[in-house]
Amino acid sequence: MNISHIPMFIGSFKELADLFICGNPITGIIPPQLGNLTKLETLFLQSTSQMIIENPGWLSQLTSLKQLVLTNCQLLKVPDHISASSLSHSNYSFTSLQEIEIVDGFIHPATINWLLNYSVKLNGLELSNNNLRGTLHDLLGNISSSIKNSLESLLLSFNQLGGLILDDFKNTIPSLTNLRLDNNQLEGHFPNRLKRFPNLKSLVISHNQFFGLLPDLSSMPNLERFEASNNKFSGVSSESIAKLDYLYLLIVFINSLTGYVSHVNLQCPSLST
């Protein structure tokens, strides 16, 4: 049986801890009554059609929420009065939220700012394929200092993010292990500021418009996966790659690289995303 909408009465199940509704052609507005589920720890809504959260403010009432996963969902603008008052009301901030995964939809820029400003601790943030525009600085400038100290995975693939990477990574994210910026419109020289991420294990920057030499990767000794295909990198392949003891996946085709990388010991375990 297919579910085409989420009934309002689900909001009366006050003891509910996990809500998974997946693989259904859900359309229309997700009822704000779900905000009554104050014991909810996981909200996983995945539709084959297009859902809408008309007023995302009710999400902040889910004070026990640890994991938020939305697929094929439009998050419209959070009302200004909610955005301005969230910090002053402990019941309306994301104190427990550890993972945000919002993909294949649309998020209003004001709603992104609100989510990132009022999240206390995030381990994972994925906003892939949401037609995000602007620069990385527009997006990352709204990540709180507490998130920067906890964030391990940042996935921003398949958007319309563009421009140069200048001070977007000015402040370190010491715990970051997974960074995906592929399939955007980023351009210019790729900055050596990535050395601020010494724990990085996976770096994917394919399908952008980066040019110049490959970045110096020697300051990321734990790097296991590096993908930079379909860019405009040129010159001699970076010898810093040869210093990466844990590297098992290296993809740099469709560039203008010359030379070779010596003494690389690539080990190939089973690959995953």
C-alpha atoms as a PDB file:
ATOM      1  CA  MET A   1       0.000   0.000   0.000  1.00  0.00           C
ATOM      2  CA  ASN A   2       1.320   3.434  -0.965  1.00  0.00           C
ATOM      3  CA  ILE A   3       1.022   6.435   1.341  1.00  0.00           C
ATOM      4  CA  SER A   4       0.346   9.690  -0.498  1.00  0.00           C
ATOM      5  CA  HIS A   5       0.288  11.995   2.511  1.00  0.00           C
ATOM      6  CA  ILE A   6       1.336  12.010   6.158  1.00  0.00           C
ATOM      7  CA  PRO A   7      -1.711  12.086   8.434  1.00  0.00           C
ATOM      8  CA  MET A   8      -1.899  14.741  11.141  1.00  0.00           C
ATOM      9  CA  PHE A   9      -2.808  12.212  13.839  1.00  0.00           C
ATOM     10  CA  ILE A  10       0.764  10.875  13.883  1.00  0.00           C
ATOM     11  CA  GLY A  11       1.550  13.992  15.889  1.00  0.00           C
ATOM     12  CA  SER A  12      -0.504  12.538  18.782  1.00  0.00           C
ATOM     13  CA  PHE A  13       1.885   9.602  19.294  1.00  0.00           C
ATOM     14  CA  LYS A  14       3.785  11.404  22.044  1.00  0.00           C
ATOM     15  CA  GLU A  15       5.963   8.389  22.968  1.00  0.00           C
ATOM     16  CA  LEU A  16       7.210   7.812  19.423  1.00  0.00           C
ATOM     17  CA  ALA A  17      11.019   7.599  19.262  1.00  0.00           C
ATOM     18  CA  ASP A  18      11.641   6.817  15.573  1.00  0.00           C
ATOM     19  CA  LEU A  19       9.570   7.677  12.505  1.00  0.00           C
ATOM     20  CA  PHE A  20      10.513   6.131   9.159  1.00  0.00           C
ATOM     21  CA  ILE A  21       8.303   6.717   6.104  1.00  0.00           C
ATOM     22  CA  CYS A  22      10.182   5.704   2.963  1.00  0.00           C
ATOM     23  CA  GLY A  23       9.562   4.855  -0.671  1.00  0.00           C
ATOM     24  CA  ASN A  24       6.080   6.329  -0.905  1.00  0.00           C
ATOM     25  CA  PRO A  25       4.728   8.996  -3.316  1.00  0.00           C
ATOM     26  CA  ILE A  26       4.110  11.498  -0.527  1.00  0.00           C
ATOM     27  CA  THR A  27       3.086  14.934  -1.775  1.00  0.00           C
ATOM     28  CA  GLY A  28       1.879  18.117  -0.190  1.00  0.00           C
ATOM     29  CA  ILE A  29       2.591  19.677   3.175  1.00  0.00           C
ATOM     30  CA  ILE A  30       4.144  17.649   5.994  1.00  0.00           C
ATOM     31  CA  PRO A  31       1.824  18.356   8.946  1.00  0.00           C
ATOM     32  CA  PRO A  32       3.355  20.641  11.591  1.00  0.00           C
ATOM     33  CA  GLN A  33       1.654  18.433  14.210  1.00  0.00           C
ATOM     34  CA  LEU A  34       4.785  16.269  13.981  1.00  0.00           C
ATOM     35  CA  GLY A  35       6.382  18.971  16.107  1.00  0.00           C
ATOM     36  CA  ASN A  36       4.470  17.493  19.072  1.00  0.00           C
ATOM     37  CA  LEU A  37       6.727  14.421  19.018  1.00  0.00           C
ATOM     38  CA  THR A  38       9.153  15.725  21.624  1.00  0.00           C
ATOM     39  CA  LYS A  39      10.614  12.254  22.285  1.00  0.00           C
ATOM     40  CA  LEU A  40      11.369  11.619  18.611  1.00  0.00           C
ATOM     41  CA  GLU A  41      15.043  10.789  18.006  1.00  0.00           C
ATOM     42  CA  THR A  42      14.940   9.893  14.299  1.00  0.00           C
ATOM     43  CA  LEU A  43      12.837  11.532  11.597  1.00  0.00           C
ATOM     44  CA  PHE A  44      13.356   9.799   8.240  1.00  0.00           C
ATOM     45  CA  LEU A  45      11.029  10.924   5.449  1.00  0.00           C
ATOM     46  CA  GLN A  46      11.857   9.759   1.941  1.00  0.00           C
ATOM     47  CA  SER A  47       9.365  10.358  -0.859  1.00  0.00           C
ATOM     48  CA  THR A  48       9.313   9.436  -4.537  1.00  0.00           C
ATOM     49  CA  SER A  49       7.358  12.660  -5.114  1.00  0.00           C
ATOM     50  CA  GLN A  50       7.732  16.151  -3.652  1.00  0.00           C
ATOM     51  CA  MET A  51       6.995  16.914  -0.002  1.00  0.00           C
ATOM     52  CA  ILE A  52       6.807  20.409   1.467  1.00  0.00           C
ATOM     53  CA  ILE A  53       7.615  21.754   4.915  1.00  0.00           C
ATOM     54  CA  GLU A  54       5.812  25.048   4.712  1.00  0.00           C
ATOM     55  CA  ASN A  55       6.985  26.373   8.076  1.00  0.00           C
ATOM     56  CA  PRO A  56      10.154  24.561   9.242  1.00  0.00           C
ATOM     57  CA  GLY A  57       9.873  26.178  12.666  1.00  0.00           C
ATOM     58  CA  TRP A  58       8.140  23.116  14.115  1.00  0.00           C
ATOM     59  CA  LEU A  59      11.307  21.078  13.602  1.00  0.00           C
ATOM     60  CA  SER A  60      12.970  22.904  16.497  1.00  0.00           C
ATOM     61  CA  GLN A  61      10.265  21.594  18.841  1.00  0.00           C
ATOM     62  CA  LEU A  62      11.735  18.096  18.362  1.00  0.00           C
ATOM     63  CA  THR A  63      14.150  18.602  21.234  1.00  0.00           C
ATOM     64  CA  SER A  64      15.204  14.923  21.382  1.00  0.00           C
ATOM     65  CA  LEU A  65      15.901  14.671  17.653  1.00  0.00           C
ATOM     66  CA  LYS A  66      19.304  13.178  16.778  1.00  0.00           C
ATOM     67  CA  GLN A  67      18.890  12.348  13.084  1.00  0.00           C
ATOM     68  CA  LEU A  68      16.973  14.337  10.461  1.00  0.00           C
ATOM     69  CA  VAL A  69      16.758  12.778   6.987  1.00  0.00           C
ATOM     70  CA  LEU A  70      14.588  14.334   4.275  1.00  0.00           C
ATOM     71  CA  THR A  71      14.587  13.292   0.610  1.00  0.00           C
ATOM     72  CA  ASN A  72      12.560  15.065  -2.086  1.00  0.00           C
ATOM     73  CA  CYS A  73      11.435  17.772   0.270  1.00  0.00           C
ATOM     74  CA  GLN A  74      11.085  21.530  -0.062  1.00  0.00           C
ATOM     75  CA  LEU A  75      11.936  23.425   3.099  1.00  0.00           C
ATOM     76  CA  LEU A  76      10.477  26.886   2.736  1.00  0.00           C
ATOM     77  CA  LYS A  77      11.580  29.964   4.658  1.00  0.00           C
ATOM     78  CA  VAL A  78      11.482  29.784   8.429  1.00  0.00           C
ATOM     79  CA  PRO A  79       9.467  32.733   9.803  1.00  0.00           C
ATOM     80  CA  ASP A  80      11.590  35.664  10.936  1.00  0.00           C
ATOM     81  CA  HIS A  81      10.167  35.703  14.463  1.00  0.00           C
ATOM     82  CA  ILE A  82      11.112  32.052  15.000  1.00  0.00           C
ATOM     83  CA  SER A  83      14.606  32.525  13.629  1.00  0.00           C
ATOM     84  CA  ALA A  84      15.206  35.527  15.860  1.00  0.00           C
ATOM     85  CA  SER A  85      13.884  33.957  19.067  1.00  0.00           C
ATOM     86  CA  SER A  86      15.276  30.420  18.916  1.00  0.00           C
ATOM     87  CA  LEU A  87      18.408  31.066  20.934  1.00  0.00           C
ATOM     88  CA  SER A  88      16.459  32.628  23.782  1.00  0.00           C
ATOM     89  CA  HIS A  89      14.180  29.591  24.178  1.00  0.00           C
ATOM     90  CA  SER A  90      15.935  26.371  25.134  1.00  0.00           C
ATOM     91  CA  ASN A  91      12.918  24.370  23.955  1.00  0.00           C
ATOM     92  CA  TYR A  92      13.357  25.691  20.417  1.00  0.00           C
ATOM     93  CA  SER A  93      16.940  24.865  19.510  1.00  0.00           C
ATOM     94  CA  PHE A  94      18.570  21.702  18.182  1.00  0.00           C
ATOM     95  CA  THR A  95      20.411  20.589  21.313  1.00  0.00           C
ATOM     96  CA  SER A  96      20.448  16.865  20.452  1.00  0.00           C
ATOM     97  CA  LEU A  97      20.748  16.916  16.666  1.00  0.00           C
ATOM     98  CA  GLN A  98      23.779  14.983  15.400  1.00  0.00           C
ATOM     99  CA  GLU A  99      23.037  14.386  11.716  1.00  0.00           C
ATOM    100  CA  ILE A 100      21.258  16.419   9.041  1.00  0.00           C
ATOM    101  CA  GLU A 101      20.734  14.807   5.639  1.00  0.00           C
ATOM    102  CA  ILE A 102      18.556  16.811   3.265  1.00  0.00           C
ATOM    103  CA  VAL A 103      18.950  15.729  -0.360  1.00  0.00           C
ATOM    104  CA  ASP A 104      17.193  15.971  -3.726  1.00  0.00           C
ATOM    105  CA  GLY A 105      15.018  18.913  -2.760  1.00  0.00           C
ATOM    106  CA  PHE A 106      15.118  22.613  -2.028  1.00  0.00           C
ATOM    107  CA  ILE A 107      16.082  24.581   1.080  1.00  0.00           C
ATOM    108  CA  HIS A 108      15.496  28.282   1.481  1.00  0.00           C
ATOM    109  CA  PRO A 109      18.794  30.042   2.372  1.00  0.00           C
ATOM    110  CA  ALA A 110      17.268  31.525   5.531  1.00  0.00           C
ATOM    111  CA  THR A 111      16.285  28.035   6.671  1.00  0.00           C
ATOM    112  CA  ILE A 112      19.840  26.741   6.145  1.00  0.00           C
ATOM    113  CA  ASN A 113      21.175  29.610   8.247  1.00  0.00           C
ATOM    114  CA  TRP A 114      18.639  28.849  10.955  1.00  0.00           C
ATOM    115  CA  LEU A 115      19.452  25.139  11.079  1.00  0.00           C
ATOM    116  CA  LEU A 116      23.199  25.747  11.294  1.00  0.00           C
ATOM    117  CA  ASN A 117      23.033  28.649  13.728  1.00  0.00           C
ATOM    118  CA  TYR A 118      20.895  26.809  16.256  1.00  0.00           C
ATOM    119  CA  SER A 119      22.419  23.338  16.078  1.00  0.00           C
ATOM    120  CA  VAL A 120      24.649  22.730  19.071  1.00  0.00           C
ATOM    121  CA  LYS A 121      26.559  19.679  17.886  1.00  0.00           C
ATOM    122  CA  LEU A 122      26.550  18.068  14.447  1.00  0.00           C
ATOM    123  CA  ASN A 123      28.620  15.088  13.328  1.00  0.00           C
ATOM    124  CA  GLY A 124      27.282  14.919   9.770  1.00  0.00           C
ATOM    125  CA  LEU A 125      25.828  17.480   7.367  1.00  0.00           C
ATOM    126  CA  GLU A 126      24.663  16.544   3.871  1.00  0.00           C
ATOM    127  CA  LEU A 127      22.889  19.020   1.606  1.00  0.00           C
ATOM    128  CA  SER A 128      23.490  17.347  -1.748  1.00  0.00           C
ATOM    129  CA  ASN A 129      21.418  18.045  -4.867  1.00  0.00           C
ATOM    130  CA  ASN A 130      19.410  20.942  -3.473  1.00  0.00           C
ATOM    131  CA  ASN A 131      20.306  23.524  -6.127  1.00  0.00           C
ATOM    132  CA  LEU A 132      22.228  25.538  -3.520  1.00  0.00           C
ATOM    133  CA  ARG A 133      23.710  28.720  -4.971  1.00  0.00           C
ATOM    134  CA  GLY A 134      26.229  31.307  -3.918  1.00  0.00           C
ATOM    135  CA  THR A 135      29.678  30.660  -2.505  1.00  0.00           C
ATOM    136  CA  LEU A 136      30.932  28.262   0.111  1.00  0.00           C
ATOM    137  CA  HIS A 137      31.495  31.242   2.371  1.00  0.00           C
ATOM    138  CA  ASP A 138      27.788  32.088   2.153  1.00  0.00           C
ATOM    139  CA  LEU A 139      27.042  28.628   3.480  1.00  0.00           C
ATOM    140  CA  LEU A 140      29.905  27.834   5.852  1.00  0.00           C
ATOM    141  CA  GLY A 141      29.921  31.270   7.432  1.00  0.00           C
ATOM    142  CA  ASN A 142      26.814  30.267   9.351  1.00  0.00           C
ATOM    143  CA  ILE A 143      28.264  27.178  11.003  1.00  0.00           C
ATOM    144  CA  SER A 144      28.620  27.784  14.722  1.00  0.00           C
ATOM    145  CA  SER A 145      31.941  27.267  16.495  1.00  0.00           C
ATOM    146  CA  SER A 146      30.537  24.276  18.378  1.00  0.00           C
ATOM    147  CA  ILE A 147      29.674  22.548  15.095  1.00  0.00           C
ATOM    148  CA  LYS A 148      33.142  23.223  13.707  1.00  0.00           C
ATOM    149  CA  ASN A 149      34.569  21.264  16.617  1.00  0.00           C
ATOM    150  CA  SER A 150      32.274  18.264  16.088  1.00  0.00           C
ATOM    151  CA  LEU A 151      31.644  18.032  12.333  1.00  0.00           C
ATOM    152  CA  GLU A 152      33.089  14.873  10.766  1.00  0.00           C
ATOM    153  CA  SER A 153      31.323  14.746   7.405  1.00  0.00           C
ATOM    154  CA  LEU A 154      30.393  17.643   5.084  1.00  0.00           C
ATOM    155  CA  LEU A 155      28.716  16.620   1.803  1.00  0.00           C
ATOM    156  CA  LEU A 156      27.680  19.345  -0.651  1.00  0.00           C
ATOM    157  CA  SER A 157      27.678  17.480  -3.975  1.00  0.00           C
ATOM    158  CA  PHE A 158      25.489  18.278  -7.012  1.00  0.00           C
ATOM    159  CA  ASN A 159      24.644  21.893  -6.274  1.00  0.00           C
ATOM    160  CA  GLN A 160      25.306  25.229  -7.965  1.00  0.00           C
ATOM    161  CA  LEU A 161      27.924  26.501  -5.521  1.00  0.00           C
ATOM    162  CA  GLY A 162      30.428  28.658  -7.347  1.00  0.00           C
ATOM    163  CA  GLY A 163      33.176  31.220  -7.153  1.00  0.00           C
ATOM    164  CA  LEU A 164      36.645  31.065  -5.704  1.00  0.00           C
ATOM    165  CA  ILE A 165      37.556  29.277  -2.498  1.00  0.00           C
ATOM    166  CA  LEU A 166      39.232  32.043  -0.520  1.00  0.00           C
ATOM    167  CA  ASP A 167      38.613  32.172   3.219  1.00  0.00           C
ATOM    168  CA  ASP A 168      35.849  29.580   3.192  1.00  0.00           C
ATOM    169  CA  PHE A 169      38.043  27.245   5.201  1.00  0.00           C
ATOM    170  CA  LYS A 170      39.713  29.978   7.203  1.00  0.00           C
ATOM    171  CA  ASN A 171      38.636  28.434  10.481  1.00  0.00           C
ATOM    172  CA  THR A 172      39.694  24.884  11.082  1.00  0.00           C
ATOM    173  CA  ILE A 173      37.293  21.960  11.350  1.00  0.00           C
ATOM    174  CA  PRO A 174      39.639  19.629  13.248  1.00  0.00           C
ATOM    175  CA  SER A 175      37.395  16.557  13.297  1.00  0.00           C
ATOM    176  CA  LEU A 176      36.434  16.631   9.581  1.00  0.00           C
ATOM    177  CA  THR A 177      37.145  13.288   7.878  1.00  0.00           C
ATOM    178  CA  ASN A 178      34.903  13.410   4.802  1.00  0.00           C
ATOM    179  CA  LEU A 179      34.547  16.400   2.449  1.00  0.00           C
ATOM    180  CA  ARG A 180      32.613  16.266  -0.836  1.00  0.00           C
ATOM    181  CA  LEU A 181      32.366  19.330  -3.070  1.00  0.00           C
ATOM    182  CA  ASP A 182      31.972  17.534  -6.401  1.00  0.00           C
ATOM    183  CA  ASN A 183      29.605  18.526  -9.198  1.00  0.00           C
ATOM    184  CA  ASN A 184      29.452  22.231  -8.408  1.00  0.00           C
ATOM    185  CA  GLN A 185      30.824  25.313 -10.170  1.00  0.00           C
ATOM    186  CA  LEU A 186      33.772  26.050  -7.907  1.00  0.00           C
ATOM    187  CA  GLU A 187      36.747  27.588  -9.668  1.00  0.00           C
ATOM    188  CA  GLY A 188      40.231  28.960  -9.276  1.00  0.00           C
ATOM    189  CA  HIS A 189      43.283  27.448  -7.611  1.00  0.00           C
ATOM    190  CA  PHE A 190      42.404  24.886  -5.001  1.00  0.00           C
ATOM    191  CA  PRO A 191      43.669  26.324  -1.696  1.00  0.00           C
ATOM    192  CA  ASN A 192      46.334  24.792   0.461  1.00  0.00           C
ATOM    193  CA  ARG A 193      44.145  25.764   3.412  1.00  0.00           C
ATOM    194  CA  LEU A 194      43.014  22.162   3.365  1.00  0.00           C
ATOM    195  CA  LYS A 195      46.060  21.497   5.521  1.00  0.00           C
ATOM    196  CA  ARG A 196      43.795  22.747   8.307  1.00  0.00           C
ATOM    197  CA  PHE A 197      42.040  19.360   8.102  1.00  0.00           C
ATOM    198  CA  PRO A 198      44.735  16.912   9.244  1.00  0.00           C
ATOM    199  CA  ASN A 199      42.220  14.129   9.911  1.00  0.00           C
ATOM    200  CA  LEU A 200      40.656  14.191   6.443  1.00  0.00           C
ATOM    201  CA  LYS A 201      40.240  10.703   4.959  1.00  0.00           C
ATOM    202  CA  SER A 202      38.096  11.389   1.891  1.00  0.00           C
ATOM    203  CA  LEU A 203      38.314  14.446  -0.377  1.00  0.00           C
ATOM    204  CA  VAL A 204      36.154  14.598  -3.524  1.00  0.00           C
ATOM    205  CA  ILE A 205      36.307  17.741  -5.712  1.00  0.00           C
ATOM    206  CA  SER A 206      35.517  16.265  -9.151  1.00  0.00           C
ATOM    207  CA  HIS A 207      33.435  18.044 -11.804  1.00  0.00           C
ATOM    208  CA  ASN A 208      34.282  21.632 -10.936  1.00  0.00           C
ATOM    209  CA  GLN A 209      36.406  24.259 -12.650  1.00  0.00           C
ATOM    210  CA  PHE A 210      39.570  24.194 -10.565  1.00  0.00           C
ATOM    211  CA  PHE A 211      42.809  24.925 -12.407  1.00  0.00           C
ATOM    212  CA  GLY A 212      46.522  25.158 -11.690  1.00  0.00           C
ATOM    213  CA  LEU A 213      48.526  22.557  -9.838  1.00  0.00           C
ATOM    214  CA  LEU A 214      46.961  19.819  -7.775  1.00  0.00           C
ATOM    215  CA  PRO A 215      46.764  20.814  -4.095  1.00  0.00           C
ATOM    216  CA  ASP A 216      49.555  19.789  -1.749  1.00  0.00           C
ATOM    217  CA  LEU A 217      48.128  16.786   0.063  1.00  0.00           C
ATOM    218  CA  SER A 218      51.092  15.952   2.260  1.00  0.00           C
ATOM    219  CA  SER A 219      49.549  17.779   5.223  1.00  0.00           C
ATOM    220  CA  MET A 220      46.662  15.280   5.194  1.00  0.00           C
ATOM    221  CA  PRO A 221      48.552  12.105   6.130  1.00  0.00           C
ATOM    222  CA  ASN A 222      45.368  10.112   6.785  1.00  0.00           C
ATOM    223  CA  LEU A 223      43.902  10.658   3.313  1.00  0.00           C
ATOM    224  CA  GLU A 224      42.477   7.440   1.842  1.00  0.00           C
ATOM    225  CA  ARG A 225      40.412   8.735  -1.076  1.00  0.00           C
ATOM    226  CA  PHE A 226      41.145  11.625  -3.444  1.00  0.00           C
ATOM    227  CA  GLU A 227      38.982  12.398  -6.486  1.00  0.00           C
ATOM    228  CA  ALA A 228      39.658  15.449  -8.668  1.00  0.00           C
ATOM    229  CA  SER A 229      38.576  14.366 -12.140  1.00  0.00           C
ATOM    230  CA  ASN A 230      36.888  16.641 -14.695  1.00  0.00           C
ATOM    231  CA  ASN A 231      38.642  19.839 -13.696  1.00  0.00           C
ATOM    232  CA  LYS A 232      41.332  21.928 -15.370  1.00  0.00           C
ATOM    233  CA  PHE A 233      44.335  20.969 -13.271  1.00  0.00           C
ATOM    234  CA  SER A 234      47.603  21.142 -15.206  1.00  0.00           C
ATOM    235  CA  GLY A 235      51.323  20.719 -14.739  1.00  0.00           C
ATOM    236  CA  VAL A 236      53.199  17.866 -13.138  1.00  0.00           C
ATOM    237  CA  SER A 237      51.225  15.524 -10.911  1.00  0.00           C
ATOM    238  CA  SER A 238      51.724  16.400  -7.271  1.00  0.00           C
ATOM    239  CA  GLU A 239      54.535  14.431  -5.646  1.00  0.00           C
ATOM    240  CA  SER A 240      52.763  14.949  -2.327  1.00  0.00           C
ATOM    241  CA  ILE A 241      50.463  12.091  -3.361  1.00  0.00           C
ATOM    242  CA  ALA A 242      53.388   9.694  -3.051  1.00  0.00           C
ATOM    243  CA  LYS A 243      53.654  10.534   0.653  1.00  0.00           C
ATOM    244  CA  LEU A 244      50.154   9.306   1.478  1.00  0.00           C
ATOM    245  CA  ASP A 245      50.528   5.907   3.123  1.00  0.00           C
ATOM    246  CA  TYR A 246      46.802   5.166   3.410  1.00  0.00           C
ATOM    247  CA  LEU A 247      45.628   6.256  -0.041  1.00  0.00           C
ATOM    248  CA  TYR A 248      43.621   3.521  -1.813  1.00  0.00           C
ATOM    249  CA  LEU A 249      41.534   5.492  -4.328  1.00  0.00           C
ATOM    250  CA  LEU A 250      43.012   8.111  -6.657  1.00  0.00           C
ATOM    251  CA  ILE A 251      40.939   9.521  -9.558  1.00  0.00           C
ATOM    252  CA  VAL A 252      42.350  12.513 -11.462  1.00  0.00           C
ATOM    253  CA  PHE A 253      41.396  11.814 -15.093  1.00  0.00           C
ATOM    254  CA  ILE A 254      40.120  14.469 -17.546  1.00  0.00           C
ATOM    255  CA  ASN A 255      42.583  17.140 -16.509  1.00  0.00           C
ATOM    256  CA  SER A 256      45.779  18.372 -18.174  1.00  0.00           C
ATOM    257  CA  LEU A 257      48.280  16.719 -15.870  1.00  0.00           C
ATOM    258  CA  THR A 258      51.743  15.622 -16.982  1.00  0.00           C
ATOM    259  CA  GLY A 259      54.529  13.659 -15.362  1.00  0.00           C
ATOM    260  CA  TYR A 260      54.033  10.798 -12.969  1.00  0.00           C
ATOM    261  CA  VAL A 261      53.651  10.027  -9.292  1.00  0.00           C
ATOM    262  CA  SER A 262      56.336   7.750  -7.951  1.00  0.00           C
ATOM    263  CA  HIS A 263      56.242   5.225  -5.136  1.00  0.00           C
ATOM    264  CA  VAL A 264      52.500   5.202  -4.608  1.00  0.00           C
ATOM    265  CA  ASN A 265      51.250   2.036  -2.954  1.00  0.00           C
ATOM    266  CA  LEU A 266      47.540   1.938  -3.724  1.00  0.00           C
ATOM    267  CA  GLN A 267      45.604  -0.714  -1.856  1.00  0.00           C
ATOM    268  CA  CYS A 268      42.064  -1.364  -3.037  1.00  0.00           C
ATOM    269  CA  PRO A 269      39.588  -2.614  -0.452  1.00  0.00           C
ATOM    270  CA  SER A 270      35.915  -2.834  -1.326  1.00  0.00           C
ATOM    271  CA  LEU A 271      34.833   0.670  -2.299  1.00  0.00           C
ATOM    272  CA  SER A 272      31.864   2.476  -0.828  1.00  0.00           C
ATOM    273  CA  THR A 273      30.518   5.999  -1.068  1.00  0.00           C
END
